[in-house]
Amino acid sequence: MPTRNSTLRTADVARRAGYSVQQIRNLESDGVLPTALRSPTGYRRYGEVHVRSALAYRALAAGVGPVEAKRIVRAVHEGPFSQVLALLDAAHAGLDRERADLALAKRAAEVISAEPIADVRPSDAMSVAELAAALGVRPSTLRHWDAEGLVVPDRATAQGTRRYSPAQVRDARIVHQLRRAGYRVDTLKALMPDLPRGHRSDDVEAALAARDASITARSHALLDAAAALAAVLALAV
């Protein structure tokens, strides 16, 4: 990619992009910025394309993380353009999946809050066979959920006999309901940690609201990144 008006110093690019001088050098080394021209005395000479590339990376990193951001900006410099579009499409699709998962989390949170657990006794615990029969699933299904970390029962004996507490039975019911609705195990694995056991509904709602805010912020960052990438591409013509 040609660099127009290569008259900027490293410090100039750093100041305009909001990075340190060393970070600009690192971004160049990583291929996020095109290789700078050198003056007769060996000093780096940058151009507007370097500033725009650094700004695009900054916005992308906020949206998809630094690793994927570097990959996308490098694709802008290396081509083809279709690859850049494919990577951006994948980034937006990832956020769309997260929004769908968030809607699922909110639904599950409502189910949890509607099932308070009180007056628990040791005799209320259930074995694998008992819970499988209650849910209408195979015992192997419960063992699979255990192995995947979805619903992990207590081990009641030295031999590792599984016993499900009332809270774990509740979680199994939620997983079973969502599985019947067509949700995949990998989606549920990402969801369950966002629904703290035993917390008040206000705590759960706060956690989901924070996740919602994070998705919104990253989506906005991708919007800014698209404009910054367009500016980089314009300088490449």
Protein backbone atom coordinates (compact mmCIF):
# COMPACT_ATOMS: atom_id res chain seq x y z
CA MET A 1 0.00 0.00 0.00
CA PRO A 2 1.49 3.39 -0.92
CA THR A 3 1.86 5.91 1.88
CA ARG A 4 0.88 9.41 0.83
CA ASN A 5 2.58 12.46 2.27
CA SER A 6 5.03 10.49 4.40
CA THR A 7 6.08 13.43 6.52
CA LEU A 8 4.78 12.45 9.95
CA ARG A 9 7.03 11.41 12.79
CA THR A 10 6.32 8.46 15.05
CA ALA A 11 5.29 10.88 17.79
CA ASP A 12 2.84 12.60 15.44
CA VAL A 13 1.07 9.32 14.63
CA ALA A 14 1.05 8.32 18.30
CA ARG A 15 -0.52 11.61 19.34
CA ARG A 16 -3.25 11.54 16.71
CA ALA A 17 -4.08 7.87 17.27
CA GLY A 18 -3.97 8.01 21.06
CA TYR A 19 -1.11 5.55 21.44
CA SER A 20 2.42 5.70 22.78
CA VAL A 21 5.41 5.89 20.45
CA GLN A 22 6.34 2.31 21.33
CA GLN A 23 2.83 1.08 20.60
CA ILE A 24 2.99 2.64 17.13
CA ARG A 25 6.28 0.84 16.48
CA ASN A 26 4.73 -2.40 17.71
CA LEU A 27 1.72 -1.99 15.43
CA GLU A 28 4.03 -1.45 12.48
CA SER A 29 6.01 -4.54 13.43
CA ASP A 30 2.78 -6.55 13.62
CA GLY A 31 1.72 -5.44 10.14
CA VAL A 32 -1.19 -3.33 11.38
CA LEU A 33 0.54 -0.27 9.97
CA PRO A 34 2.29 -0.40 6.59
CA THR A 35 6.06 -0.34 6.74
CA ALA A 36 7.17 3.26 7.16
CA LEU A 37 9.51 4.98 4.77
CA ARG A 38 12.91 5.98 6.12
CA SER A 39 14.61 9.35 5.89
CA PRO A 40 18.24 9.53 4.68
CA THR A 41 19.27 9.51 8.34
CA GLY A 42 17.16 6.45 9.16
CA TYR A 43 14.20 8.04 10.90
CA ARG A 44 10.73 6.62 10.25
CA ARG A 45 8.46 8.75 8.08
CA TYR A 46 4.75 8.00 8.31
CA GLY A 47 1.76 9.23 6.34
CA GLU A 48 -1.96 9.67 6.78
CA VAL A 49 -2.55 6.00 5.99
CA HIS A 50 -0.64 5.07 9.14
CA VAL A 51 -2.78 7.33 11.29
CA ARG A 52 -5.97 5.96 9.77
CA SER A 53 -4.77 2.37 10.17
CA ALA A 54 -4.00 2.96 13.85
CA LEU A 55 -7.42 4.51 14.41
CA ALA A 56 -9.13 1.63 12.61
CA TYR A 57 -7.25 -0.86 14.77
CA ARG A 58 -8.20 1.05 17.92
CA ALA A 59 -11.91 0.89 17.09
CA LEU A 60 -11.74 -2.73 15.99
CA ALA A 61 -9.89 -3.79 19.13
CA ALA A 62 -12.73 -2.33 21.21
CA GLY A 63 -15.23 -4.29 19.13
CA VAL A 64 -13.64 -7.68 18.54
CA GLY A 65 -10.45 -7.75 20.61
CA PRO A 66 -6.84 -7.07 19.62
CA VAL A 67 -6.10 -10.39 17.90
CA GLU A 68 -9.01 -10.23 15.45
CA ALA A 69 -8.49 -6.47 15.02
CA LYS A 70 -4.93 -7.04 13.82
CA ARG A 71 -6.13 -9.70 11.43
CA ILE A 72 -8.72 -7.39 9.88
CA VAL A 73 -6.43 -4.37 9.46
CA ARG A 74 -3.67 -6.55 8.00
CA ALA A 75 -6.22 -7.84 5.48
CA VAL A 76 -6.91 -4.24 4.44
CA HIS A 77 -3.23 -3.79 3.58
CA GLU A 78 -2.75 -7.22 1.99
CA GLY A 79 -6.09 -7.73 0.20
CA PRO A 80 -8.23 -8.86 -1.40
CA PHE A 81 -11.04 -6.50 -0.42
CA SER A 82 -13.51 -9.40 -0.29
CA GLN A 83 -11.55 -10.86 2.61
CA VAL A 84 -11.93 -7.65 4.59
CA LEU A 85 -15.69 -7.70 4.04
CA ALA A 86 -15.88 -11.36 5.05
CA LEU A 87 -14.03 -10.68 8.31
CA LEU A 88 -16.27 -7.72 9.12
CA ASP A 89 -19.37 -9.78 8.34
CA ALA A 90 -18.12 -12.47 10.73
CA ALA A 91 -17.54 -9.88 13.46
CA HIS A 92 -21.08 -8.54 13.13
CA ALA A 93 -22.48 -12.08 13.04
CA GLY A 94 -20.66 -12.84 16.28
CA LEU A 95 -22.29 -9.88 18.00
CA ASP A 96 -25.66 -10.95 16.63
CA ARG A 97 -25.18 -14.38 18.22
CA GLU A 98 -24.29 -12.73 21.51
CA ARG A 99 -27.49 -10.71 21.38
CA ALA A 100 -29.46 -13.90 20.82
CA ASP A 101 -27.68 -15.54 23.76
CA LEU A 102 -28.49 -12.53 25.91
CA ALA A 103 -32.18 -12.87 25.10
CA LEU A 104 -31.89 -16.52 26.12
CA ALA A 105 -30.21 -15.52 29.38
CA LYS A 106 -33.00 -13.10 30.19
CA ARG A 107 -35.56 -15.81 29.58
CA ALA A 108 -33.72 -18.26 31.79
CA ALA A 109 -33.37 -15.63 34.51
CA GLU A 110 -37.14 -15.25 34.56
CA VAL A 111 -37.50 -19.01 34.99
CA ILE A 112 -35.02 -19.04 37.86
CA SER A 113 -36.67 -16.16 39.69
CA ALA A 114 -40.01 -17.96 39.44
CA GLU A 115 -38.65 -21.03 41.20
CA PRO A 116 -37.52 -20.05 44.71
CA ILE A 117 -36.03 -22.82 46.82
CA ALA A 118 -36.94 -22.91 50.50
CA ASP A 119 -37.12 -25.41 53.37
CA VAL A 120 -34.50 -27.66 51.79
CA ARG A 121 -33.82 -31.04 53.42
CA PRO A 122 -31.07 -33.58 52.63
CA SER A 123 -33.74 -36.05 51.59
CA ASP A 124 -34.77 -33.70 48.79
CA ALA A 125 -31.64 -34.59 46.80
CA MET A 126 -32.11 -36.83 43.77
CA SER A 127 -30.00 -39.54 42.20
CA VAL A 128 -29.17 -39.64 38.49
CA ALA A 129 -31.87 -42.22 37.86
CA GLU A 130 -34.48 -40.28 39.82
CA LEU A 131 -33.78 -36.98 38.10
CA ALA A 132 -33.59 -38.60 34.67
CA ALA A 133 -37.01 -40.17 35.25
CA ALA A 134 -38.45 -36.87 36.49
CA LEU A 135 -37.21 -35.01 33.41
CA GLY A 136 -37.93 -37.80 30.95
CA VAL A 137 -34.33 -38.05 29.73
CA ARG A 138 -31.71 -40.79 29.72
CA PRO A 139 -29.23 -40.95 32.62
CA SER A 140 -26.50 -40.61 29.99
CA THR A 141 -27.91 -37.16 29.16
CA LEU A 142 -27.39 -35.99 32.72
CA ARG A 143 -23.85 -37.41 32.70
CA HIS A 144 -23.19 -35.51 29.47
CA TRP A 145 -24.41 -32.27 31.06
CA ASP A 146 -22.14 -32.99 34.00
CA ALA A 147 -19.13 -33.55 31.71
CA GLU A 148 -19.90 -30.32 29.84
CA GLY A 149 -20.17 -28.34 33.09
CA LEU A 150 -23.84 -27.44 32.57
CA VAL A 151 -25.24 -29.11 35.68
CA VAL A 152 -22.59 -30.54 38.00
CA PRO A 153 -24.03 -32.63 40.87
CA ASP A 154 -22.47 -33.34 44.24
CA ARG A 155 -20.53 -36.55 44.78
CA ALA A 156 -22.21 -38.27 47.72
CA THR A 157 -19.81 -41.19 48.21
CA ALA A 158 -16.16 -42.04 47.76
CA GLN A 159 -17.17 -43.98 44.66
CA GLY A 160 -18.42 -40.74 43.09
CA THR A 161 -22.16 -41.41 43.24
CA ARG A 162 -23.98 -38.36 41.88
CA ARG A 163 -26.62 -36.61 44.02
CA TYR A 164 -28.49 -33.54 42.77
CA SER A 165 -29.42 -30.89 45.32
CA PRO A 166 -32.69 -28.96 44.85
CA ALA A 167 -30.73 -26.06 43.31
CA GLN A 168 -29.05 -28.45 40.88
CA VAL A 169 -32.41 -30.04 40.05
CA ARG A 170 -33.71 -26.57 39.24
CA ASP A 171 -30.72 -25.92 36.96
CA ALA A 172 -31.29 -29.27 35.24
CA ARG A 173 -34.91 -28.34 34.61
CA ILE A 174 -33.83 -25.06 33.04
CA VAL A 175 -31.23 -26.75 30.83
CA HIS A 176 -33.76 -29.40 29.83
CA GLN A 177 -36.34 -26.76 28.91
CA LEU A 178 -33.87 -24.78 26.81
CA ARG A 179 -32.51 -27.89 25.12
CA ARG A 180 -36.05 -28.86 24.14
CA ALA A 181 -36.40 -25.36 22.69
CA GLY A 182 -33.49 -26.15 20.38
CA TYR A 183 -30.59 -24.40 22.08
CA ARG A 184 -27.20 -26.05 21.67
CA VAL A 185 -24.95 -27.25 24.46
CA ASP A 186 -22.18 -24.79 23.54
CA THR A 187 -24.66 -21.90 23.76
CA LEU A 188 -25.83 -23.03 27.18
CA LYS A 189 -22.23 -23.41 28.37
CA ALA A 190 -21.70 -19.74 27.61
CA LEU A 191 -24.99 -18.81 29.26
CA MET A 192 -24.98 -20.62 32.59
CA PRO A 193 -22.09 -18.68 34.21
CA ASP A 194 -24.09 -15.47 33.63
CA LEU A 195 -26.85 -16.75 35.91
CA PRO A 196 -25.33 -16.91 39.41
CA ARG A 197 -26.90 -19.53 41.63
CA GLY A 198 -28.54 -18.33 44.78
CA HIS A 199 -28.29 -14.63 43.91
CA ARG A 200 -31.16 -12.22 44.12
CA SER A 201 -33.00 -11.50 40.88
CA ASP A 202 -31.63 -7.93 41.06
CA ASP A 203 -28.07 -9.30 40.93
CA VAL A 204 -28.88 -11.42 37.90
CA GLU A 205 -30.56 -8.50 36.15
CA ALA A 206 -27.53 -6.31 36.83
CA ALA A 207 -25.20 -8.92 35.34
CA LEU A 208 -27.36 -9.21 32.23
CA ALA A 209 -27.61 -5.43 31.92
CA ALA A 210 -23.81 -5.18 32.04
CA ARG A 211 -23.54 -7.76 29.29
CA ASP A 212 -26.11 -5.86 27.23
CA ALA A 213 -24.10 -2.64 27.65
CA SER A 214 -20.92 -4.43 26.59
CA ILE A 215 -22.51 -5.74 23.40
CA THR A 216 -23.87 -2.28 22.58
CA ALA A 217 -20.47 -0.66 23.11
CA ARG A 218 -18.71 -3.22 20.92
CA SER A 219 -21.33 -2.86 18.21
CA HIS A 220 -20.82 0.92 18.24
CA ALA A 221 -17.05 0.37 18.05
CA LEU A 222 -17.51 -1.77 14.92
CA LEU A 223 -19.52 1.04 13.36
CA ASP A 224 -16.68 3.47 14.02
CA ALA A 225 -14.19 0.91 12.72
CA ALA A 226 -16.04 0.55 9.42
CA ALA A 227 -15.71 4.28 8.78
CA ALA A 228 -12.03 4.21 9.74
CA LEU A 229 -11.36 1.25 7.46
CA ALA A 230 -13.07 3.04 4.59
CA ALA A 231 -10.66 5.92 5.11
CA VAL A 232 -7.69 3.53 4.96
CA LEU A 233 -8.97 1.97 1.76
CA ALA A 234 -9.46 5.39 0.18
CA LEU A 235 -5.79 6.15 0.77
CA ALA A 236 -4.81 2.90 -0.91
CA VAL A 237 -6.38 3.84 -4.25
